Amino acid sequence: MRPIHPINEEQCRPYYGQPVFIILKDGTELVGTLSRLDKGKLYLNETAAGIQSNASAKSKRSGANSSSLGKARAQTKKSDKPTTTAANEAFPVPYPDSELFGSPFELDVASVGALIVPS
């Protein structure tokens, strides 16, 4: 078992898509698949499609053309299989199987006492 310390994006990025063991400062123990760390929050158990839709939402807020976003959404709805995009190409192979540990959830990094990955 290897602790991730300090818990920041640079330290977490190599472990995206991998199972993690989390001990909160109140002693609660959790397991999940590490999806990403963004703005002081750890996101766990997200699918690659969920990450892709979050990236689309960020693009929309930053002034992306809404007609192109509408086309992307329409293409996503046509097929059940997520397509490979720049948003999910960086994730390792186990990443799409994040449902193993349950529904997606997020944690404030400030509440995490330890973040541990298997060796």
PDB file of N, CA and C in Angstrom:
ATOM      1  N   MET A   1       0.854  -1.171   0.000  1.00  0.00           N
ATOM      2  CA  MET A   1       0.000   0.000   0.000  1.00  0.00           C
ATOM      3  C   MET A   1       0.900   1.235   0.000  1.00  0.00           C
ATOM      4  N   ARG A   2       0.511   2.208  -0.804  1.00  0.00           N
ATOM      5  CA  ARG A   2       1.316   3.415  -0.956  1.00  0.00           C
ATOM      6  C   ARG A   2       0.452   4.643  -0.694  1.00  0.00           C
ATOM      7  N   PRO A   3       0.820   5.468   0.287  1.00  0.00           N
ATOM      8  CA  PRO A   3       0.041   6.693   0.533  1.00  0.00           C
ATOM      9  C   PRO A   3       0.336   7.750  -0.538  1.00  0.00           C
ATOM     10  N   ILE A   4      -0.678   8.511  -0.891  1.00  0.00           N
ATOM     11  CA  ILE A   4      -0.500   9.653  -1.775  1.00  0.00           C
ATOM     12  C   ILE A   4      -0.403  10.872  -0.870  1.00  0.00           C
ATOM     13  N   HIS A   5       0.767  11.495  -0.880  1.00  0.00           N
ATOM     14  CA  HIS A   5       0.976  12.659  -0.030  1.00  0.00           C
ATOM     15  C   HIS A   5       2.001  13.580  -0.665  1.00  0.00           C
ATOM     16  N   PRO A   6       1.751  14.842  -0.769  1.00  0.00           N
ATOM     17  CA  PRO A   6       0.516  15.537  -0.405  1.00  0.00           C
ATOM     18  C   PRO A   6      -0.597  15.208  -1.405  1.00  0.00           C
ATOM     19  N   ILE A   7      -1.828  15.386  -0.980  1.00  0.00           N
ATOM     20  CA  ILE A   7      -2.970  15.108  -1.852  1.00  0.00           C
ATOM     21  C   ILE A   7      -3.193  16.335  -2.728  1.00  0.00           C
ATOM     22  N   ASN A   8      -2.646  16.261  -3.939  1.00  0.00           N
ATOM     23  CA  ASN A   8      -2.825  17.333  -4.914  1.00  0.00           C
ATOM     24  C   ASN A   8      -2.937  16.693  -6.292  1.00  0.00           C
ATOM     25  N   GLU A   9      -3.258  17.520  -7.293  1.00  0.00           N
ATOM     26  CA  GLU A   9      -3.497  16.981  -8.625  1.00  0.00           C
ATOM     27  C   GLU A   9      -2.258  16.286  -9.198  1.00  0.00           C
ATOM     28  N   GLU A  10      -1.107  16.852  -8.986  1.00  0.00           N
ATOM     29  CA  GLU A  10       0.129  16.267  -9.515  1.00  0.00           C
ATOM     30  C   GLU A  10       0.387  14.876  -8.934  1.00  0.00           C
ATOM     31  N   GLN A  11       0.167  14.713  -7.633  1.00  0.00           N
ATOM     32  CA  GLN A  11       0.401  13.426  -6.980  1.00  0.00           C
ATOM     33  C   GLN A  11      -0.684  12.404  -7.317  1.00  0.00           C
ATOM     34  N   CYS A  12      -1.929  12.871  -7.528  1.00  0.00           N
ATOM     35  CA  CYS A  12      -3.053  11.960  -7.778  1.00  0.00           C
ATOM     36  C   CYS A  12      -3.149  11.496  -9.228  1.00  0.00           C
ATOM     37  N   ARG A  13      -2.742  12.331 -10.177  1.00  0.00           N
ATOM     38  CA  ARG A  13      -2.934  12.040 -11.600  1.00  0.00           C
ATOM     39  C   ARG A  13      -2.459  10.645 -12.022  1.00  0.00           C
ATOM     40  N   PRO A  14      -1.305  10.152 -11.578  1.00  0.00           N
ATOM     41  CA  PRO A  14      -0.885   8.808 -12.009  1.00  0.00           C
ATOM     42  C   PRO A  14      -1.812   7.688 -11.528  1.00  0.00           C
ATOM     43  N   TYR A  15      -2.661   7.973 -10.562  1.00  0.00           N
ATOM     44  CA  TYR A  15      -3.524   6.947  -9.980  1.00  0.00           C
ATOM     45  C   TYR A  15      -4.974   7.069 -10.424  1.00  0.00           C
ATOM     46  N   TYR A  16      -5.284   7.993 -11.344  1.00  0.00           N
ATOM     47  CA  TYR A  16      -6.650   8.102 -11.864  1.00  0.00           C
ATOM     48  C   TYR A  16      -7.050   6.766 -12.476  1.00  0.00           C
ATOM     49  N   GLY A  17      -8.238   6.309 -12.140  1.00  0.00           N
ATOM     50  CA  GLY A  17      -8.730   5.034 -12.650  1.00  0.00           C
ATOM     51  C   GLY A  17      -8.356   3.841 -11.810  1.00  0.00           C
ATOM     52  N   GLN A  18      -7.626   4.055 -10.726  1.00  0.00           N
ATOM     53  CA  GLN A  18      -7.210   2.948  -9.875  1.00  0.00           C
ATOM     54  C   GLN A  18      -7.981   2.958  -8.552  1.00  0.00           C
ATOM     55  N   PRO A  19      -8.124   1.801  -7.932  1.00  0.00           N
ATOM     56  CA  PRO A  19      -8.800   1.752  -6.640  1.00  0.00           C
ATOM     57  C   PRO A  19      -7.970   2.450  -5.562  1.00  0.00           C
ATOM     58  N   VAL A  20      -8.659   3.096  -4.645  1.00  0.00           N
ATOM     59  CA  VAL A  20      -7.990   3.772  -3.533  1.00  0.00           C
ATOM     60  C   VAL A  20      -8.716   3.456  -2.230  1.00  0.00           C
ATOM     61  N   PHE A  21      -7.985   3.541  -1.159  1.00  0.00           N
ATOM     62  CA  PHE A  21      -8.509   3.393   0.198  1.00  0.00           C
ATOM     63  C   PHE A  21      -8.372   4.767   0.840  1.00  0.00           C
ATOM     64  N   ILE A  22      -9.453   5.261   1.423  1.00  0.00           N
ATOM     65  CA  ILE A  22      -9.460   6.599   2.005  1.00  0.00           C
ATOM     66  C   ILE A  22      -9.834   6.503   3.477  1.00  0.00           C
ATOM     67  N   ILE A  23      -9.070   7.177   4.305  1.00  0.00           N
ATOM     68  CA  ILE A  23      -9.412   7.306   5.718  1.00  0.00           C
ATOM     69  C   ILE A  23      -9.684   8.785   5.965  1.00  0.00           C
ATOM     70  N   LEU A  24     -10.922   9.087   6.337  1.00  0.00           N
ATOM     71  CA  LEU A  24     -11.284  10.472   6.626  1.00  0.00           C
ATOM     72  C   LEU A  24     -10.770  10.865   8.002  1.00  0.00           C
ATOM     73  N   LYS A  25     -10.688  12.148   8.244  1.00  0.00           N
ATOM     74  CA  LYS A  25     -10.188  12.631   9.529  1.00  0.00           C
ATOM     75  C   LYS A  25     -11.065  12.199  10.692  1.00  0.00           C
ATOM     76  N   ASP A  26     -12.346  11.888  10.427  1.00  0.00           N
ATOM     77  CA  ASP A  26     -13.227  11.416  11.507  1.00  0.00           C
ATOM     78  C   ASP A  26     -13.130   9.902  11.715  1.00  0.00           C
ATOM     79  N   GLY A  27     -12.233   9.228  10.952  1.00  0.00           N
ATOM     80  CA  GLY A  27     -12.017   7.794  11.115  1.00  0.00           C
ATOM     81  C   GLY A  27     -12.803   6.925  10.143  1.00  0.00           C
ATOM     82  N   THR A  28     -13.695   7.510   9.374  1.00  0.00           N
ATOM     83  CA  THR A  28     -14.465   6.755   8.390  1.00  0.00           C
ATOM     84  C   THR A  28     -13.536   6.222   7.306  1.00  0.00           C
ATOM     85  N   GLU A  29     -13.745   4.963   6.917  1.00  0.00           N
ATOM     86  CA  GLU A  29     -12.943   4.340   5.873  1.00  0.00           C
ATOM     87  C   GLU A  29     -13.802   4.137   4.630  1.00  0.00           C
ATOM     88  N   LEU A  30     -13.257   4.494   3.471  1.00  0.00           N
ATOM     89  CA  LEU A  30     -13.965   4.385   2.204  1.00  0.00           C
ATOM     90  C   LEU A  30     -13.061   3.750   1.161  1.00  0.00           C
ATOM     91  N   VAL A  31     -13.654   3.102   0.174  1.00  0.00           N
ATOM     92  CA  VAL A  31     -12.917   2.626  -0.987  1.00  0.00           C
ATOM     93  C   VAL A  31     -13.636   3.121  -2.222  1.00  0.00           C
ATOM     94  N   GLY A  32     -12.877   3.304  -3.295  1.00  0.00           N
ATOM     95  CA  GLY A  32     -13.467   3.746  -4.546  1.00  0.00           C
ATOM     96  C   GLY A  32     -12.414   3.789  -5.623  1.00  0.00           C
ATOM     97  N   THR A  33     -12.845   4.170  -6.811  1.00  0.00           N
ATOM     98  CA  THR A  33     -11.939   4.355  -7.932  1.00  0.00           C
ATOM     99  C   THR A  33     -11.667   5.841  -8.057  1.00  0.00           C
ATOM    100  N   LEU A  34     -10.414   6.225  -7.981  1.00  0.00           N
ATOM    101  CA  LEU A  34     -10.038   7.640  -8.061  1.00  0.00           C
ATOM    102  C   LEU A  34     -10.276   8.147  -9.477  1.00  0.00           C
ATOM    103  N   SER A  35     -11.150   9.140  -9.606  1.00  0.00           N
ATOM    104  CA  SER A  35     -11.474   9.686 -10.916  1.00  0.00           C
ATOM    105  C   SER A  35     -10.647  10.921 -11.218  1.00  0.00           C
ATOM    106  N   ARG A  36     -10.634  11.867 -10.273  1.00  0.00           N
ATOM    107  CA  ARG A  36      -9.898  13.110 -10.504  1.00  0.00           C
ATOM    108  C   ARG A  36      -9.885  13.934  -9.230  1.00  0.00           C
ATOM    109  N   LEU A  37      -9.064  14.950  -9.243  1.00  0.00           N
ATOM    110  CA  LEU A  37      -9.029  15.934  -8.170  1.00  0.00           C
ATOM    111  C   LEU A  37      -9.206  17.290  -8.854  1.00  0.00           C
ATOM    112  N   ASP A  38     -10.181  18.067  -8.406  1.00  0.00           N
ATOM    113  CA  ASP A  38     -10.470  19.341  -9.045  1.00  0.00           C
ATOM    114  C   ASP A  38     -10.989  20.325  -8.010  1.00  0.00           C
ATOM    115  N   LYS A  39     -10.338  21.472  -7.908  1.00  0.00           N
ATOM    116  CA  LYS A  39     -10.755  22.564  -7.027  1.00  0.00           C
ATOM    117  C   LYS A  39     -10.998  22.114  -5.586  1.00  0.00           C
ATOM    118  N   GLY A  40     -10.061  21.345  -5.042  1.00  0.00           N
ATOM    119  CA  GLY A  40     -10.127  20.937  -3.650  1.00  0.00           C
ATOM    120  C   GLY A  40     -11.077  19.795  -3.355  1.00  0.00           C
ATOM    121  N   LYS A  41     -11.549  19.106  -4.385  1.00  0.00           N
ATOM    122  CA  LYS A  41     -12.446  17.973  -4.190  1.00  0.00           C
ATOM    123  C   LYS A  41     -11.893  16.745  -4.891  1.00  0.00           C
ATOM    124  N   LEU A  42     -12.001  15.606  -4.219  1.00  0.00           N
ATOM    125  CA  LEU A  42     -11.668  14.309  -4.808  1.00  0.00           C
ATOM    126  C   LEU A  42     -12.947  13.734  -5.395  1.00  0.00           C
ATOM    127  N   TYR A  43     -12.897  13.319  -6.642  1.00  0.00           N
ATOM    128  CA  TYR A  43     -14.048  12.699  -7.294  1.00  0.00           C
ATOM    129  C   TYR A  43     -13.733  11.227  -7.465  1.00  0.00           C
ATOM    130  N   LEU A  44     -14.690  10.389  -7.061  1.00  0.00           N
ATOM    131  CA  LEU A  44     -14.492   8.946  -7.111  1.00  0.00           C
ATOM    132  C   LEU A  44     -15.628   8.272  -7.867  1.00  0.00           C
ATOM    133  N   ASN A  45     -15.305   7.138  -8.497  1.00  0.00           N
ATOM    134  CA  ASN A  45     -16.268   6.264  -9.163  1.00  0.00           C
ATOM    135  C   ASN A  45     -16.973   6.896 -10.352  1.00  0.00           C
ATOM    136  N   GLU A  46     -16.383   7.909 -10.964  1.00  0.00           N
ATOM    137  CA  GLU A  46     -16.984   8.467 -12.161  1.00  0.00           C
ATOM    138  C   GLU A  46     -16.611   7.611 -13.356  1.00  0.00           C
ATOM    139  N   THR A  47     -17.489   7.530 -14.336  1.00  0.00           N
ATOM    140  CA  THR A  47     -17.160   6.839 -15.572  1.00  0.00           C
ATOM    141  C   THR A  47     -16.480   7.821 -16.505  1.00  0.00           C
ATOM    142  N   ALA A  48     -15.839   7.323 -17.520  1.00  0.00           N
ATOM    143  CA  ALA A  48     -15.194   8.195 -18.504  1.00  0.00           C
ATOM    144  C   ALA A  48     -16.232   9.097 -19.160  1.00  0.00           C
ATOM    145  N   ALA A  49     -17.447   8.593 -19.374  1.00  0.00           N
ATOM    146  CA  ALA A  49     -18.511   9.408 -19.962  1.00  0.00           C
ATOM    147  C   ALA A  49     -18.887  10.554 -19.031  1.00  0.00           C
ATOM    148  N   GLY A  50     -18.864  10.302 -17.721  1.00  0.00           N
ATOM    149  CA  GLY A  50     -19.160  11.358 -16.758  1.00  0.00           C
ATOM    150  C   GLY A  50     -18.115  12.448 -16.776  1.00  0.00           C
ATOM    151  N   ILE A  51     -16.863  12.061 -16.910  1.00  0.00           N
ATOM    152  CA  ILE A  51     -15.784  13.037 -17.010  1.00  0.00           C
ATOM    153  C   ILE A  51     -15.948  13.849 -18.283  1.00  0.00           C
ATOM    154  N   GLN A  52     -16.322  13.176 -19.365  1.00  0.00           N
ATOM    155  CA  GLN A  52     -16.498  13.855 -20.648  1.00  0.00           C
ATOM    156  C   GLN A  52     -17.615  14.884 -20.549  1.00  0.00           C
ATOM    157  N   SER A  53     -18.740  14.543 -19.911  1.00  0.00           N
ATOM    158  CA  SER A  53     -19.839  15.504 -19.800  1.00  0.00           C
ATOM    159  C   SER A  53     -19.446  16.669 -18.906  1.00  0.00           C
ATOM    160  N   ASN A  54     -18.636  16.432 -17.886  1.00  0.00           N
ATOM    161  CA  ASN A  54     -18.151  17.517 -17.041  1.00  0.00           C
ATOM    162  C   ASN A  54     -17.238  18.441 -17.827  1.00  0.00           C
ATOM    163  N   ALA A  55     -16.394  17.873 -18.691  1.00  0.00           N
ATOM    164  CA  ALA A  55     -15.522  18.691 -19.532  1.00  0.00           C
ATOM    165  C   ALA A  55     -16.348  19.527 -20.494  1.00  0.00           C
ATOM    166  N   SER A  56     -17.449  18.979 -21.003  1.00  0.00           N
ATOM    167  CA  SER A  56     -18.335  19.730 -21.894  1.00  0.00           C
ATOM    168  C   SER A  56     -18.975  20.887 -21.157  1.00  0.00           C
ATOM    169  N   ALA A  57     -19.371  20.659 -19.910  1.00  0.00           N
ATOM    170  CA  ALA A  57     -19.985  21.729 -19.119  1.00  0.00           C
ATOM    171  C   ALA A  57     -18.988  22.850 -18.883  1.00  0.00           C
ATOM    172  N   LYS A  58     -17.725  22.509 -18.620  1.00  0.00           N
ATOM    173  CA  LYS A  58     -16.699  23.532 -18.429  1.00  0.00           C
ATOM    174  C   LYS A  58     -16.485  24.315 -19.711  1.00  0.00           C
ATOM    175  N   SER A  59     -16.500  23.634 -20.864  1.00  0.00           N
ATOM    176  CA  SER A  59     -16.320  24.308 -22.142  1.00  0.00           C
ATOM    177  C   SER A  59     -17.454  25.279 -22.392  1.00  0.00           C
ATOM    178  N   LYS A  60     -18.653  24.900 -22.048  1.00  0.00           N
ATOM    179  CA  LYS A  60     -19.812  25.758 -22.251  1.00  0.00           C
ATOM    180  C   LYS A  60     -19.690  27.017 -21.420  1.00  0.00           C
ATOM    181  N   ARG A  61     -19.253  26.874 -20.171  1.00  0.00           N
ATOM    182  CA  ARG A  61     -19.091  28.044 -19.302  1.00  0.00           C
ATOM    183  C   ARG A  61     -17.993  28.959 -19.807  1.00  0.00           C
ATOM    184  N   SER A  62     -17.018  28.404 -20.492  1.00  0.00           N
ATOM    185  CA  SER A  62     -15.910  29.229 -20.956  1.00  0.00           C
ATOM    186  C   SER A  62     -16.191  29.853 -22.313  1.00  0.00           C
ATOM    187  N   GLY A  63     -17.432  29.751 -22.813  1.00  0.00           N
ATOM    188  CA  GLY A  63     -17.817  30.437 -24.031  1.00  0.00           C
ATOM    189  C   GLY A  63     -17.726  29.599 -25.289  1.00  0.00           C
ATOM    190  N   ALA A  64     -17.770  28.280 -25.173  1.00  0.00           N
ATOM    191  CA  ALA A  64     -17.729  27.436 -26.369  1.00  0.00           C
ATOM    192  C   ALA A  64     -19.021  27.598 -27.152  1.00  0.00           C
ATOM    193  N   ASN A  65     -18.967  27.332 -28.437  1.00  0.00           N
ATOM    194  CA  ASN A  65     -20.115  27.449 -29.321  1.00  0.00           C
ATOM    195  C   ASN A  65     -21.179  26.443 -28.896  1.00  0.00           C
ATOM    196  N   SER A  66     -22.383  26.928 -28.553  1.00  0.00           N
ATOM    197  CA  SER A  66     -23.419  26.041 -28.047  1.00  0.00           C
ATOM    198  C   SER A  66     -23.930  25.085 -29.115  1.00  0.00           C
ATOM    199  N   SER A  67     -23.878  25.464 -30.393  1.00  0.00           N
ATOM    200  CA  SER A  67     -24.334  24.540 -31.428  1.00  0.00           C
ATOM    201  C   SER A  67     -23.405  23.340 -31.539  1.00  0.00           C
ATOM    202  N   SER A  68     -22.105  23.539 -31.367  1.00  0.00           N
ATOM    203  CA  SER A  68     -21.185  22.404 -31.413  1.00  0.00           C
ATOM    204  C   SER A  68     -21.377  21.502 -30.205  1.00  0.00           C
ATOM    205  N   LEU A  69     -21.720  22.085 -29.045  1.00  0.00           N
ATOM    206  CA  LEU A  69     -21.990  21.269 -27.864  1.00  0.00           C
ATOM    207  C   LEU A  69     -23.258  20.452 -28.064  1.00  0.00           C
ATOM    208  N   GLY A  70     -24.258  21.058 -28.705  1.00  0.00           N
ATOM    209  CA  GLY A  70     -25.496  20.334 -28.988  1.00  0.00           C
ATOM    210  C   GLY A  70     -25.233  19.146 -29.884  1.00  0.00           C
ATOM    211  N   LYS A  71     -24.361  19.299 -30.883  1.00  0.00           N
ATOM    212  CA  LYS A  71     -24.005  18.194 -31.764  1.00  0.00           C
ATOM    213  C   LYS A  71     -23.299  17.097 -30.979  1.00  0.00           C
ATOM    214  N   ALA A  72     -22.397  17.477 -30.061  1.00  0.00           N
ATOM    215  CA  ALA A  72     -21.674  16.486 -29.252  1.00  0.00           C
ATOM    216  C   ALA A  72     -22.644  15.707 -28.381  1.00  0.00           C
ATOM    217  N   ARG A  73     -23.621  16.410 -27.784  1.00  0.00           N
ATOM    218  CA  ARG A  73     -24.613  15.727 -26.946  1.00  0.00           C
ATOM    219  C   ARG A  73     -25.452  14.767 -27.784  1.00  0.00           C
ATOM    220  N   ALA A  74     -25.845  15.211 -28.983  1.00  0.00           N
ATOM    221  CA  ALA A  74     -26.654  14.358 -29.850  1.00  0.00           C
ATOM    222  C   ALA A  74     -25.887  13.092 -30.226  1.00  0.00           C
ATOM    223  N   GLN A  75     -24.606  13.214 -30.496  1.00  0.00           N
ATOM    224  CA  GLN A  75     -23.803  12.048 -30.842  1.00  0.00           C
ATOM    225  C   GLN A  75     -23.679  11.106 -29.661  1.00  0.00           C
ATOM    226  N   THR A  76     -23.573  11.650 -28.452  1.00  0.00           N
ATOM    227  CA  THR A  76     -23.456  10.823 -27.258  1.00  0.00           C
ATOM    228  C   THR A  76     -24.730  10.017 -27.044  1.00  0.00           C
ATOM    229  N   LYS A  77     -25.891  10.618 -27.295  1.00  0.00           N
ATOM    230  CA  LYS A  77     -27.161   9.939 -27.075  1.00  0.00           C
ATOM    231  C   LYS A  77     -27.403   8.825 -28.086  1.00  0.00           C
ATOM    232  N   LYS A  78     -26.816   8.924 -29.279  1.00  0.00           N
ATOM    233  CA  LYS A  78     -27.054   7.932 -30.321  1.00  0.00           C
ATOM    234  C   LYS A  78     -26.453   6.578 -29.995  1.00  0.00           C
ATOM    235  N   SER A  79     -25.373   6.549 -29.264  1.00  0.00           N
ATOM    236  CA  SER A  79     -24.739   5.268 -28.988  1.00  0.00           C
ATOM    237  C   SER A  79     -24.579   5.076 -27.489  1.00  0.00           C
ATOM    238  N   ASP A  80     -24.692   3.831 -27.064  1.00  0.00           N
ATOM    239  CA  ASP A  80     -24.519   3.515 -25.656  1.00  0.00           C
ATOM    240  C   ASP A  80     -23.049   3.484 -25.271  1.00  0.00           C
ATOM    241  N   LYS A  81     -22.184   3.284 -26.244  1.00  0.00           N
ATOM    242  CA  LYS A  81     -20.755   3.185 -26.002  1.00  0.00           C
ATOM    243  C   LYS A  81     -20.126   4.570 -26.013  1.00  0.00           C
ATOM    244  N   PRO A  82     -19.375   4.946 -24.956  1.00  0.00           N
ATOM    245  CA  PRO A  82     -18.710   6.246 -25.004  1.00  0.00           C
ATOM    246  C   PRO A  82     -17.622   6.244 -26.076  1.00  0.00           C
ATOM    247  N   THR A  83     -17.558   7.341 -26.805  1.00  0.00           N
ATOM    248  CA  THR A  83     -16.526   7.450 -27.824  1.00  0.00           C
ATOM    249  C   THR A  83     -15.240   7.939 -27.178  1.00  0.00           C
ATOM    250  N   THR A  84     -14.125   7.635 -27.805  1.00  0.00           N
ATOM    251  CA  THR A  84     -12.841   8.084 -27.290  1.00  0.00           C
ATOM    252  C   THR A  84     -12.653   9.549 -27.649  1.00  0.00           C
ATOM    253  N   THR A  85     -12.404  10.361 -26.640  1.00  0.00           N
ATOM    254  CA  THR A  85     -12.168  11.784 -26.851  1.00  0.00           C
ATOM    255  C   THR A  85     -10.924  12.180 -26.082  1.00  0.00           C
ATOM    256  N   ALA A  86     -10.522  13.410 -26.266  1.00  0.00           N
ATOM    257  CA  ALA A  86      -9.357  13.906 -25.533  1.00  0.00           C
ATOM    258  C   ALA A  86      -9.615  13.858 -24.035  1.00  0.00           C
ATOM    259  N   ALA A  87     -10.888  13.979 -23.621  1.00  0.00           N
ATOM    260  CA  ALA A  87     -11.218  13.978 -22.193  1.00  0.00           C
ATOM    261  C   ALA A  87     -10.997  12.619 -21.552  1.00  0.00           C
ATOM    262  N   ASN A  88     -11.150  11.510 -22.320  1.00  0.00           N
ATOM    263  CA  ASN A  88     -11.004  10.208 -21.671  1.00  0.00           C
ATOM    264  C   ASN A  88      -9.843   9.380 -22.203  1.00  0.00           C
ATOM    265  N   GLU A  89      -9.089   9.866 -23.178  1.00  0.00           N
ATOM    266  CA  GLU A  89      -7.944   9.114 -23.685  1.00  0.00           C
ATOM    267  C   GLU A  89      -6.840   8.975 -22.643  1.00  0.00           C
ATOM    268  N   ALA A  90      -6.733   9.948 -21.727  1.00  0.00           N
ATOM    269  CA  ALA A  90      -5.646   9.944 -20.763  1.00  0.00           C
ATOM    270  C   ALA A  90      -5.863   8.947 -19.628  1.00  0.00           C
ATOM    271  N   PHE A  91      -7.068   8.392 -19.508  1.00  0.00           N
ATOM    272  CA  PHE A  91      -7.355   7.516 -18.386  1.00  0.00           C
ATOM    273  C   PHE A  91      -6.972   6.085 -18.699  1.00  0.00           C
ATOM    274  N   PRO A  92      -6.493   5.355 -17.704  1.00  0.00           N
ATOM    275  CA  PRO A  92      -6.074   3.971 -17.918  1.00  0.00           C
ATOM    276  C   PRO A  92      -7.259   3.062 -18.215  1.00  0.00           C
ATOM    277  N   VAL A  93      -6.981   1.869 -18.685  1.00  0.00           N
ATOM    278  CA  VAL A  93      -7.997   0.914 -19.103  1.00  0.00           C
ATOM    279  C   VAL A  93      -9.043   0.623 -18.032  1.00  0.00           C
ATOM    280  N   PRO A  94      -8.721   0.457 -16.737  1.00  0.00           N
ATOM    281  CA  PRO A  94      -9.768   0.124 -15.769  1.00  0.00           C
ATOM    282  C   PRO A  94     -10.773   1.242 -15.541  1.00  0.00           C
ATOM    283  N   TYR A  95     -10.481   2.425 -15.998  1.00  0.00           N
ATOM    284  CA  TYR A  95     -11.311   3.595 -15.698  1.00  0.00           C
ATOM    285  C   TYR A  95     -12.787   3.433 -16.038  1.00  0.00           C
ATOM    286  N   PRO A  96     -13.165   2.878 -17.198  1.00  0.00           N
ATOM    287  CA  PRO A  96     -14.587   2.742 -17.504  1.00  0.00           C
ATOM    288  C   PRO A  96     -15.341   1.802 -16.565  1.00  0.00           C
ATOM    289  N   ASP A  97     -14.661   0.951 -15.820  1.00  0.00           N
ATOM    290  CA  ASP A  97     -15.310   0.003 -14.928  1.00  0.00           C
ATOM    291  C   ASP A  97     -15.417   0.533 -13.500  1.00  0.00           C
ATOM    292  N   SER A  98     -15.562   1.824 -13.334  1.00  0.00           N
ATOM    293  CA  SER A  98     -15.577   2.446 -12.019  1.00  0.00           C
ATOM    294  C   SER A  98     -16.793   2.076 -11.189  1.00  0.00           C
ATOM    295  N   GLU A  99     -17.833   1.504 -11.815  1.00  0.00           N
ATOM    296  CA  GLU A  99     -19.051   1.154 -11.097  1.00  0.00           C
ATOM    297  C   GLU A  99     -18.810   0.079 -10.044  1.00  0.00           C
ATOM    298  N   LEU A 100     -17.659  -0.539 -10.058  1.00  0.00           N
ATOM    299  CA  LEU A 100     -17.324  -1.599  -9.112  1.00  0.00           C
ATOM    300  C   LEU A 100     -17.543  -1.163  -7.669  1.00  0.00           C
ATOM    301  N   PHE A 101     -17.257   0.111  -7.353  1.00  0.00           N
ATOM    302  CA  PHE A 101     -17.352   0.597  -5.980  1.00  0.00           C
ATOM    303  C   PHE A 101     -18.601   1.420  -5.724  1.00  0.00           C
ATOM    304  N   GLY A 102     -19.573   1.429  -6.622  1.00  0.00           N
ATOM    305  CA  GLY A 102     -20.821   2.135  -6.385  1.00  0.00           C
ATOM    306  C   GLY A 102     -20.933   3.433  -7.156  1.00  0.00           C
ATOM    307  N   SER A 103     -21.852   4.253  -6.707  1.00  0.00           N
ATOM    308  CA  SER A 103     -22.167   5.506  -7.382  1.00  0.00           C
ATOM    309  C   SER A 103     -21.040   6.519  -7.238  1.00  0.00           C
ATOM    310  N   PRO A 104     -20.964   7.455  -8.188  1.00  0.00           N
ATOM    311  CA  PRO A 104     -19.964   8.519  -8.084  1.00  0.00           C
ATOM    312  C   PRO A 104     -20.222   9.384  -6.848  1.00  0.00           C
ATOM    313  N   PHE A 105     -19.150   9.859  -6.239  1.00  0.00           N
ATOM    314  CA  PHE A 105     -19.270  10.795  -5.126  1.00  0.00           C
ATOM    315  C   PHE A 105     -18.024  11.652  -5.056  1.00  0.00           C
ATOM    316  N   GLU A 106     -18.106  12.700  -4.268  1.00  0.00           N
ATOM    317  CA  GLU A 106     -16.971  13.610  -4.113  1.00  0.00           C
ATOM    318  C   GLU A 106     -16.722  13.867  -2.640  1.00  0.00           C
ATOM    319  N   LEU A 107     -15.471  14.182  -2.337  1.00  0.00           N
ATOM    320  CA  LEU A 107     -15.051  14.486  -0.968  1.00  0.00           C
ATOM    321  C   LEU A 107     -14.200  15.747  -0.981  1.00  0.00           C
ATOM    322  N   ASP A 108     -14.335  16.561   0.046  1.00  0.00           N
ATOM    323  CA  ASP A 108     -13.420  17.684   0.203  1.00  0.00           C
ATOM    324  C   ASP A 108     -12.061  17.133   0.621  1.00  0.00           C
ATOM    325  N   VAL A 109     -11.011  17.597  -0.013  1.00  0.00           N
ATOM    326  CA  VAL A 109      -9.667  17.137   0.322  1.00  0.00           C
ATOM    327  C   VAL A 109      -9.356  17.425   1.793  1.00  0.00           C
ATOM    328  N   ALA A 110      -9.902  18.522   2.315  1.00  0.00           N
ATOM    329  CA  ALA A 110      -9.647  18.893   3.710  1.00  0.00           C
ATOM    330  C   ALA A 110     -10.168  17.842   4.704  1.00  0.00           C
ATOM    331  N   SER A 111     -11.155  17.030   4.280  1.00  0.00           N
ATOM    332  CA  SER A 111     -11.700  16.022   5.188  1.00  0.00           C
ATOM    333  C   SER A 111     -10.939  14.692   5.117  1.00  0.00           C
ATOM    334  N   VAL A 112      -9.990  14.579   4.181  1.00  0.00           N
ATOM    335  CA  VAL A 112      -9.264  13.323   3.976  1.00  0.00           C
ATOM    336  C   VAL A 112      -8.027  13.279   4.861  1.00  0.00           C
ATOM    337  N   GLY A 113      -7.940  12.246   5.685  1.00  0.00           N
ATOM    338  CA  GLY A 113      -6.763  12.054   6.532  1.00  0.00           C
ATOM    339  C   GLY A 113      -5.665  11.301   5.800  1.00  0.00           C
ATOM    340  N   ALA A 114      -6.060  10.296   4.993  1.00  0.00           N
ATOM    341  CA  ALA A 114      -5.088   9.498   4.233  1.00  0.00           C
ATOM    342  C   ALA A 114      -5.725   8.991   2.961  1.00  0.00           C
ATOM    343  N   LEU A 115      -4.957   9.017   1.895  1.00  0.00           N
ATOM    344  CA  LEU A 115      -5.364   8.485   0.601  1.00  0.00           C
ATOM    345  C   LEU A 115      -4.310   7.458   0.212  1.00  0.00           C
ATOM    346  N   ILE A 116      -4.732   6.208   0.063  1.00  0.00           N
ATOM    347  CA  ILE A 116      -3.788   5.103  -0.123  1.00  0.00           C
ATOM    348  C   ILE A 116      -4.155   4.301  -1.366  1.00  0.00           C
ATOM    349  N   VAL A 117      -3.133   3.939  -2.165  1.00  0.00           N
ATOM    350  CA  VAL A 117      -3.328   3.082  -3.344  1.00  0.00           C
ATOM    351  C   VAL A 117      -2.576   1.775  -3.109  1.00  0.00           C
ATOM    352  N   PRO A 118      -3.082   0.687  -3.712  1.00  0.00           N
ATOM    353  CA  PRO A 118      -2.355  -0.588  -3.596  1.00  0.00           C
ATOM    354  C   PRO A 118      -1.011  -0.494  -4.302  1.00  0.00           C
ATOM    355  N   SER A 119      -0.031  -1.222  -3.818  1.00  0.00           N
ATOM    356  CA  SER A 119       1.317  -1.209  -4.418  1.00  0.00           C
ATOM    357  C   SER A 119       1.356  -1.984  -5.706  1.00  0.00           C
TER     358      SER A 119
END
